[in-house]
Amino acid sequence: MSYIACMTETLTVRMPAKLVRELKAKAKLAGTNASEILRQAASEYVRSTNTGVNAMQQHILARAGTWDGEISGAELLRRTRP
């Protein structure tokens, strides 16, 4: 039997009462809880926000799909790092 430890973190957010009512109404329509609706909205916001690409992401994107050799991933990283 495997055991997976889960951590829970509580975040308190202050919102206008009107927004809370809208959030609860959306949750009721979706048949879920308000925190799930809020999590989905936050996730969509993060995906839609263009934040730019950092150096590691540029490195990965530049070399994605170019490896067809017989070397390990660690060796590949050593060879491709500037």
PDB file of N, CA and C in Angstrom:
ATOM      1  N   MET A   1       0.838  -1.166   0.000  1.00  0.00           N
ATOM      2  CA  MET A   1       0.000   0.000   0.000  1.00  0.00           C
ATOM      3  C   MET A   1       0.889   1.237   0.000  1.00  0.00           C
ATOM      4  N   SER A   2       0.629   2.134  -0.906  1.00  0.00           N
ATOM      5  CA  SER A   2       1.406   3.361  -0.952  1.00  0.00           C
ATOM      6  C   SER A   2       0.648   4.472  -0.235  1.00  0.00           C
ATOM      7  N   TYR A   3       1.399   5.378   0.314  1.00  0.00           N
ATOM      8  CA  TYR A   3       0.812   6.487   1.047  1.00  0.00           C
ATOM      9  C   TYR A   3       1.306   7.782   0.444  1.00  0.00           C
ATOM     10  N   ILE A   4       0.399   8.667   0.121  1.00  0.00           N
ATOM     11  CA  ILE A   4       0.756   9.959  -0.444  1.00  0.00           C
ATOM     12  C   ILE A   4       0.406  11.029   0.583  1.00  0.00           C
ATOM     13  N   ALA A   5       1.399  11.764   1.005  1.00  0.00           N
ATOM     14  CA  ALA A   5       1.172  12.830   1.972  1.00  0.00           C
ATOM     15  C   ALA A   5       0.626  14.061   1.253  1.00  0.00           C
ATOM     16  N   CYS A   6      -0.394  14.644   1.804  1.00  0.00           N
ATOM     17  CA  CYS A   6      -0.994  15.842   1.219  1.00  0.00           C
ATOM     18  C   CYS A   6      -0.834  17.002   2.185  1.00  0.00           C
ATOM     19  N   MET A   7      -0.497  18.129   1.628  1.00  0.00           N
ATOM     20  CA  MET A   7      -0.405  19.333   2.445  1.00  0.00           C
ATOM     21  C   MET A   7      -1.528  20.267   2.039  1.00  0.00           C
ATOM     22  N   THR A   8      -2.101  20.909   3.021  1.00  0.00           N
ATOM     23  CA  THR A   8      -3.162  21.860   2.768  1.00  0.00           C
ATOM     24  C   THR A   8      -2.704  23.221   3.232  1.00  0.00           C
ATOM     25  N   GLU A   9      -2.956  24.204   2.413  1.00  0.00           N
ATOM     26  CA  GLU A   9      -2.609  25.564   2.774  1.00  0.00           C
ATOM     27  C   GLU A   9      -3.870  26.410   2.679  1.00  0.00           C
ATOM     28  N   THR A  10      -4.104  27.210   3.671  1.00  0.00           N
ATOM     29  CA  THR A  10      -5.293  28.050   3.706  1.00  0.00           C
ATOM     30  C   THR A  10      -4.928  29.458   3.284  1.00  0.00           C
ATOM     31  N   LEU A  11      -5.723  29.993   2.386  1.00  0.00           N
ATOM     32  CA  LEU A  11      -5.524  31.347   1.896  1.00  0.00           C
ATOM     33  C   LEU A  11      -6.800  32.127   2.171  1.00  0.00           C
ATOM     34  N   THR A  12      -6.674  33.247   2.830  1.00  0.00           N
ATOM     35  CA  THR A  12      -7.829  34.094   3.120  1.00  0.00           C
ATOM     36  C   THR A  12      -7.809  35.278   2.173  1.00  0.00           C
ATOM     37  N   VAL A  13      -8.914  35.464   1.467  1.00  0.00           N
ATOM     38  CA  VAL A  13      -9.021  36.541   0.487  1.00  0.00           C
ATOM     39  C   VAL A  13     -10.215  37.410   0.860  1.00  0.00           C
ATOM     40  N   ARG A  14      -9.997  38.714   0.924  1.00  0.00           N
ATOM     41  CA  ARG A  14     -11.088  39.653   1.201  1.00  0.00           C
ATOM     42  C   ARG A  14     -11.653  40.128  -0.133  1.00  0.00           C
ATOM     43  N   MET A  15     -12.998  40.000  -0.270  1.00  0.00           N
ATOM     44  CA  MET A  15     -13.670  40.400  -1.502  1.00  0.00           C
ATOM     45  C   MET A  15     -14.914  41.204  -1.168  1.00  0.00           C
ATOM     46  N   PRO A  16     -15.356  42.012  -2.119  1.00  0.00           N
ATOM     47  CA  PRO A  16     -16.630  42.706  -1.928  1.00  0.00           C
ATOM     48  C   PRO A  16     -17.777  41.697  -1.829  1.00  0.00           C
ATOM     49  N   ALA A  17     -18.807  42.034  -1.061  1.00  0.00           N
ATOM     50  CA  ALA A  17     -19.934  41.120  -0.842  1.00  0.00           C
ATOM     51  C   ALA A  17     -20.603  40.712  -2.155  1.00  0.00           C
ATOM     52  N   LYS A  18     -20.700  41.645  -3.102  1.00  0.00           N
ATOM     53  CA  LYS A  18     -21.329  41.340  -4.395  1.00  0.00           C
ATOM     54  C   LYS A  18     -20.560  40.230  -5.127  1.00  0.00           C
ATOM     55  N   LEU A  19     -19.241  40.315  -5.111  1.00  0.00           N
ATOM     56  CA  LEU A  19     -18.419  39.308  -5.769  1.00  0.00           C
ATOM     57  C   LEU A  19     -18.553  37.944  -5.090  1.00  0.00           C
ATOM     58  N   VAL A  20     -18.667  37.944  -3.773  1.00  0.00           N
ATOM     59  CA  VAL A  20     -18.853  36.690  -3.041  1.00  0.00           C
ATOM     60  C   VAL A  20     -20.185  36.054  -3.421  1.00  0.00           C
ATOM     61  N   ARG A  21     -21.242  36.861  -3.507  1.00  0.00           N
ATOM     62  CA  ARG A  21     -22.548  36.324  -3.908  1.00  0.00           C
ATOM     63  C   ARG A  21     -22.487  35.723  -5.311  1.00  0.00           C
ATOM     64  N   GLU A  22     -21.822  36.416  -6.242  1.00  0.00           N
ATOM     65  CA  GLU A  22     -21.683  35.899  -7.612  1.00  0.00           C
ATOM     66  C   GLU A  22     -20.892  34.594  -7.624  1.00  0.00           C
ATOM     67  N   LEU A  23     -19.836  34.538  -6.835  1.00  0.00           N
ATOM     68  CA  LEU A  23     -19.012  33.339  -6.748  1.00  0.00           C
ATOM     69  C   LEU A  23     -19.819  32.152  -6.220  1.00  0.00           C
ATOM     70  N   LYS A  24     -20.594  32.385  -5.169  1.00  0.00           N
ATOM     71  CA  LYS A  24     -21.424  31.316  -4.593  1.00  0.00           C
ATOM     72  C   LYS A  24     -22.514  30.879  -5.569  1.00  0.00           C
ATOM     73  N   ALA A  25     -23.081  31.826  -6.325  1.00  0.00           N
ATOM     74  CA  ALA A  25     -24.106  31.477  -7.308  1.00  0.00           C
ATOM     75  C   ALA A  25     -23.522  30.610  -8.424  1.00  0.00           C
ATOM     76  N   LYS A  26     -22.317  30.960  -8.891  1.00  0.00           N
ATOM     77  CA  LYS A  26     -21.652  30.152  -9.927  1.00  0.00           C
ATOM     78  C   LYS A  26     -21.341  28.759  -9.402  1.00  0.00           C
ATOM     79  N   ALA A  27     -20.932  28.672  -8.151  1.00  0.00           N
ATOM     80  CA  ALA A  27     -20.618  27.380  -7.555  1.00  0.00           C
ATOM     81  C   ALA A  27     -21.872  26.516  -7.450  1.00  0.00           C
ATOM     82  N   LYS A  28     -22.973  27.124  -7.064  1.00  0.00           N
ATOM     83  CA  LYS A  28     -24.233  26.384  -6.943  1.00  0.00           C
ATOM     84  C   LYS A  28     -24.681  25.859  -8.300  1.00  0.00           C
ATOM     85  N   LEU A  29     -24.561  26.703  -9.339  1.00  0.00           N
ATOM     86  CA  LEU A  29     -24.925  26.277 -10.697  1.00  0.00           C
ATOM     87  C   LEU A  29     -24.040  25.133 -11.185  1.00  0.00           C
ATOM     88  N   ALA A  30     -22.757  25.189 -10.838  1.00  0.00           N
ATOM     89  CA  ALA A  30     -21.811  24.172 -11.289  1.00  0.00           C
ATOM     90  C   ALA A  30     -21.853  22.926 -10.412  1.00  0.00           C
ATOM     91  N   GLY A  31     -22.525  22.990  -9.277  1.00  0.00           N
ATOM     92  CA  GLY A  31     -22.605  21.839  -8.388  1.00  0.00           C
ATOM     93  C   GLY A  31     -21.296  21.558  -7.662  1.00  0.00           C
ATOM     94  N   THR A  32     -20.575  22.597  -7.345  1.00  0.00           N
ATOM     95  CA  THR A  32     -19.301  22.443  -6.657  1.00  0.00           C
ATOM     96  C   THR A  32     -19.211  23.509  -5.571  1.00  0.00           C
ATOM     97  N   ASN A  33     -18.036  23.686  -5.003  1.00  0.00           N
ATOM     98  CA  ASN A  33     -17.899  24.703  -3.953  1.00  0.00           C
ATOM     99  C   ASN A  33     -17.248  25.969  -4.514  1.00  0.00           C
ATOM    100  N   ALA A  34     -17.343  27.049  -3.747  1.00  0.00           N
ATOM    101  CA  ALA A  34     -16.836  28.338  -4.200  1.00  0.00           C
ATOM    102  C   ALA A  34     -15.325  28.329  -4.381  1.00  0.00           C
ATOM    103  N   SER A  35     -14.614  27.584  -3.545  1.00  0.00           N
ATOM    104  CA  SER A  35     -13.155  27.565  -3.671  1.00  0.00           C
ATOM    105  C   SER A  35     -12.716  26.926  -4.990  1.00  0.00           C
ATOM    106  N   GLU A  36     -13.454  25.951  -5.486  1.00  0.00           N
ATOM    107  CA  GLU A  36     -13.127  25.328  -6.771  1.00  0.00           C
ATOM    108  C   GLU A  36     -13.335  26.318  -7.912  1.00  0.00           C
ATOM    109  N   ILE A  37     -14.412  27.077  -7.862  1.00  0.00           N
ATOM    110  CA  ILE A  37     -14.677  28.092  -8.884  1.00  0.00           C
ATOM    111  C   ILE A  37     -13.580  29.153  -8.847  1.00  0.00           C
ATOM    112  N   LEU A  38     -13.179  29.574  -7.656  1.00  0.00           N
ATOM    113  CA  LEU A  38     -12.119  30.562  -7.507  1.00  0.00           C
ATOM    114  C   LEU A  38     -10.792  30.025  -8.022  1.00  0.00           C
ATOM    115  N   ARG A  39     -10.498  28.755  -7.735  1.00  0.00           N
ATOM    116  CA  ARG A  39      -9.264  28.132  -8.225  1.00  0.00           C
ATOM    117  C   ARG A  39      -9.241  28.091  -9.741  1.00  0.00           C
ATOM    118  N   GLN A  40     -10.366  27.725 -10.362  1.00  0.00           N
ATOM    119  CA  GLN A  40     -10.445  27.683 -11.821  1.00  0.00           C
ATOM    120  C   GLN A  40     -10.277  29.070 -12.429  1.00  0.00           C
ATOM    121  N   ALA A  41     -10.893  30.080 -11.819  1.00  0.00           N
ATOM    122  CA  ALA A  41     -10.775  31.444 -12.327  1.00  0.00           C
ATOM    123  C   ALA A  41      -9.327  31.930 -12.229  1.00  0.00           C
ATOM    124  N   ALA A  42      -8.667  31.609 -11.117  1.00  0.00           N
ATOM    125  CA  ALA A  42      -7.263  32.006 -10.950  1.00  0.00           C
ATOM    126  C   ALA A  42      -6.389  31.293 -11.977  1.00  0.00           C
ATOM    127  N   SER A  43      -6.659  30.019 -12.212  1.00  0.00           N
ATOM    128  CA  SER A  43      -5.890  29.242 -13.173  1.00  0.00           C
ATOM    129  C   SER A  43      -6.053  29.803 -14.590  1.00  0.00           C
ATOM    130  N   GLU A  44      -7.272  30.141 -14.965  1.00  0.00           N
ATOM    131  CA  GLU A  44      -7.521  30.725 -16.285  1.00  0.00           C
ATOM    132  C   GLU A  44      -6.820  32.075 -16.424  1.00  0.00           C
ATOM    133  N   TYR A  45      -6.831  32.868 -15.350  1.00  0.00           N
ATOM    134  CA  TYR A  45      -6.167  34.167 -15.388  1.00  0.00           C
ATOM    135  C   TYR A  45      -4.666  34.009 -15.605  1.00  0.00           C
ATOM    136  N   VAL A  46      -4.065  33.072 -14.887  1.00  0.00           N
ATOM    137  CA  VAL A  46      -2.625  32.862 -15.013  1.00  0.00           C
ATOM    138  C   VAL A  46      -2.274  32.386 -16.415  1.00  0.00           C
ATOM    139  N   ARG A  47      -3.078  31.494 -16.981  1.00  0.00           N
ATOM    140  CA  ARG A  47      -2.811  30.997 -18.336  1.00  0.00           C
ATOM    141  C   ARG A  47      -2.968  32.091 -19.382  1.00  0.00           C
ATOM    142  N   SER A  48      -3.911  33.001 -19.159  1.00  0.00           N
ATOM    143  CA  SER A  48      -4.158  34.036 -20.164  1.00  0.00           C
ATOM    144  C   SER A  48      -3.202  35.218 -20.058  1.00  0.00           C
ATOM    145  N   THR A  49      -2.527  35.347 -18.931  1.00  0.00           N
ATOM    146  CA  THR A  49      -1.606  36.461 -18.732  1.00  0.00           C
ATOM    147  C   THR A  49      -0.273  36.136 -19.376  1.00  0.00           C
ATOM    148  N   ASN A  50       0.178  36.987 -20.265  1.00  0.00           N
ATOM    149  CA  ASN A  50       1.451  36.777 -20.945  1.00  0.00           C
ATOM    150  C   ASN A  50       2.555  37.361 -20.065  1.00  0.00           C
ATOM    151  N   THR A  51       3.353  36.496 -19.465  1.00  0.00           N
ATOM    152  CA  THR A  51       4.357  36.956 -18.507  1.00  0.00           C
ATOM    153  C   THR A  51       5.768  36.919 -19.051  1.00  0.00           C
ATOM    154  N   GLY A  52       5.955  36.517 -20.274  1.00  0.00           N
ATOM    155  CA  GLY A  52       7.310  36.425 -20.810  1.00  0.00           C
ATOM    156  C   GLY A  52       7.946  35.091 -20.458  1.00  0.00           C
ATOM    157  N   VAL A  53       9.065  34.817 -21.074  1.00  0.00           N
ATOM    158  CA  VAL A  53       9.742  33.541 -20.913  1.00  0.00           C
ATOM    159  C   VAL A  53      11.088  33.786 -20.241  1.00  0.00           C
ATOM    160  N   ASN A  54      11.370  33.017 -19.185  1.00  0.00           N
ATOM    161  CA  ASN A  54      12.660  33.186 -18.516  1.00  0.00           C
ATOM    162  C   ASN A  54      13.748  32.397 -19.247  1.00  0.00           C
ATOM    163  N   ALA A  55      14.987  32.515 -18.794  1.00  0.00           N
ATOM    164  CA  ALA A  55      16.134  31.915 -19.488  1.00  0.00           C
ATOM    165  C   ALA A  55      16.023  30.386 -19.570  1.00  0.00           C
ATOM    166  N   MET A  56      15.560  29.731 -18.506  1.00  0.00           N
ATOM    167  CA  MET A  56      15.436  28.269 -18.523  1.00  0.00           C
ATOM    168  C   MET A  56      14.381  27.836 -19.531  1.00  0.00           C
ATOM    169  N   GLN A  57      13.249  28.549 -19.574  1.00  0.00           N
ATOM    170  CA  GLN A  57      12.211  28.218 -20.551  1.00  0.00           C
ATOM    171  C   GLN A  57      12.712  28.415 -21.972  1.00  0.00           C
ATOM    172  N   GLN A  58      13.481  29.465 -22.221  1.00  0.00           N
ATOM    173  CA  GLN A  58      14.051  29.686 -23.552  1.00  0.00           C
ATOM    174  C   GLN A  58      14.984  28.541 -23.924  1.00  0.00           C
ATOM    175  N   HIS A  59      15.782  28.085 -22.971  1.00  0.00           N
ATOM    176  CA  HIS A  59      16.710  26.979 -23.203  1.00  0.00           C
ATOM    177  C   HIS A  59      15.946  25.708 -23.583  1.00  0.00           C
ATOM    178  N   ILE A  60      14.891  25.414 -22.843  1.00  0.00           N
ATOM    179  CA  ILE A  60      14.097  24.211 -23.103  1.00  0.00           C
ATOM    180  C   ILE A  60      13.383  24.325 -24.448  1.00  0.00           C
ATOM    181  N   LEU A  61      12.748  25.471 -24.709  1.00  0.00           N
ATOM    182  CA  LEU A  61      12.018  25.648 -25.969  1.00  0.00           C
ATOM    183  C   LEU A  61      12.933  25.597 -27.181  1.00  0.00           C
ATOM    184  N   ALA A  62      14.151  26.104 -27.066  1.00  0.00           N
ATOM    185  CA  ALA A  62      15.087  26.107 -28.186  1.00  0.00           C
ATOM    186  C   ALA A  62      15.528  24.695 -28.555  1.00  0.00           C
ATOM    187  N   ARG A  63      15.543  23.807 -27.585  1.00  0.00           N
ATOM    188  CA  ARG A  63      16.052  22.456 -27.829  1.00  0.00           C
ATOM    189  C   ARG A  63      14.982  21.373 -27.798  1.00  0.00           C
ATOM    190  N   ALA A  64      13.747  21.736 -27.624  1.00  0.00           N
ATOM    191  CA  ALA A  64      12.655  20.758 -27.547  1.00  0.00           C
ATOM    192  C   ALA A  64      12.540  19.986 -28.853  1.00  0.00           C
ATOM    193  N   GLY A  65      12.491  18.684 -28.739  1.00  0.00           N
ATOM    194  CA  GLY A  65      12.318  17.825 -29.901  1.00  0.00           C
ATOM    195  C   GLY A  65      13.561  17.613 -30.739  1.00  0.00           C
ATOM    196  N   THR A  66      14.723  18.076 -30.298  1.00  0.00           N
ATOM    197  CA  THR A  66      15.929  17.950 -31.109  1.00  0.00           C
ATOM    198  C   THR A  66      16.811  16.787 -30.683  1.00  0.00           C
ATOM    199  N   TRP A  67      16.467  16.099 -29.602  1.00  0.00           N
ATOM    200  CA  TRP A  67      17.328  15.038 -29.093  1.00  0.00           C
ATOM    201  C   TRP A  67      16.927  13.695 -29.679  1.00  0.00           C
ATOM    202  N   ASP A  68      17.837  13.067 -30.423  1.00  0.00           N
ATOM    203  CA  ASP A  68      17.562  11.737 -30.959  1.00  0.00           C
ATOM    204  C   ASP A  68      18.768  10.826 -30.760  1.00  0.00           C
ATOM    205  N   GLY A  69      19.610  11.170 -29.831  1.00  0.00           N
ATOM    206  CA  GLY A  69      20.830  10.398 -29.610  1.00  0.00           C
ATOM    207  C   GLY A  69      20.671   9.317 -28.564  1.00  0.00           C
ATOM    208  N   GLU A  70      21.790   8.682 -28.248  1.00  0.00           N
ATOM    209  CA  GLU A  70      21.812   7.578 -27.302  1.00  0.00           C
ATOM    210  C   GLU A  70      22.373   7.992 -25.949  1.00  0.00           C
ATOM    211  N   ILE A  71      22.486   9.290 -25.687  1.00  0.00           N
ATOM    212  CA  ILE A  71      23.055   9.730 -24.422  1.00  0.00           C
ATOM    213  C   ILE A  71      21.948   9.968 -23.391  1.00  0.00           C
ATOM    214  N   SER A  72      22.331  10.036 -22.130  1.00  0.00           N
ATOM    215  CA  SER A  72      21.362  10.245 -21.062  1.00  0.00           C
ATOM    216  C   SER A  72      20.891  11.693 -21.050  1.00  0.00           C
ATOM    217  N   GLY A  73      19.804  11.935 -20.335  1.00  0.00           N
ATOM    218  CA  GLY A  73      19.301  13.288 -20.195  1.00  0.00           C
ATOM    219  C   GLY A  73      20.297  14.195 -19.494  1.00  0.00           C
ATOM    220  N   ALA A  74      21.000  13.661 -18.487  1.00  0.00           N
ATOM    221  CA  ALA A  74      22.005  14.449 -17.768  1.00  0.00           C
ATOM    222  C   ALA A  74      23.145  14.844 -18.701  1.00  0.00           C
ATOM    223  N   GLU A  75      23.592  13.917 -19.534  1.00  0.00           N
ATOM    224  CA  GLU A  75      24.668  14.218 -20.481  1.00  0.00           C
ATOM    225  C   GLU A  75      24.196  15.226 -21.521  1.00  0.00           C
ATOM    226  N   LEU A  76      22.969  15.098 -21.960  1.00  0.00           N
ATOM    227  CA  LEU A  76      22.405  16.050 -22.910  1.00  0.00           C
ATOM    228  C   LEU A  76      22.406  17.463 -22.328  1.00  0.00           C
ATOM    229  N   LEU A  77      21.999  17.583 -21.061  1.00  0.00           N
ATOM    230  CA  LEU A  77      22.005  18.898 -20.429  1.00  0.00           C
ATOM    231  C   LEU A  77      23.422  19.463 -20.331  1.00  0.00           C
ATOM    232  N   ARG A  78      24.389  18.629 -19.982  1.00  0.00           N
ATOM    233  CA  ARG A  78      25.777  19.106 -19.898  1.00  0.00           C
ATOM    234  C   ARG A  78      26.262  19.620 -21.241  1.00  0.00           C
ATOM    235  N   ARG A  79      25.892  18.959 -22.308  1.00  0.00           N
ATOM    236  CA  ARG A  79      26.358  19.349 -23.651  1.00  0.00           C
ATOM    237  C   ARG A  79      25.651  20.599 -24.168  1.00  0.00           C
ATOM    238  N   THR A  80      24.412  20.841 -23.760  1.00  0.00           N
ATOM    239  CA  THR A  80      23.659  21.944 -24.345  1.00  0.00           C
ATOM    240  C   THR A  80      23.673  23.206 -23.513  1.00  0.00           C
ATOM    241  N   ARG A  81      24.108  23.139 -22.277  1.00  0.00           N
ATOM    242  CA  ARG A  81      24.146  24.345 -21.440  1.00  0.00           C
ATOM    243  C   ARG A  81      25.258  25.262 -21.911  1.00  0.00           C
ATOM    244  N   PRO A  82      24.984  26.559 -21.915  1.00  0.00           N
ATOM    245  CA  PRO A  82      26.008  27.515 -22.355  1.00  0.00           C
ATOM    246  C   PRO A  82      27.169  27.618 -21.360  1.00  0.00           C
TER     247      PRO A  82
END
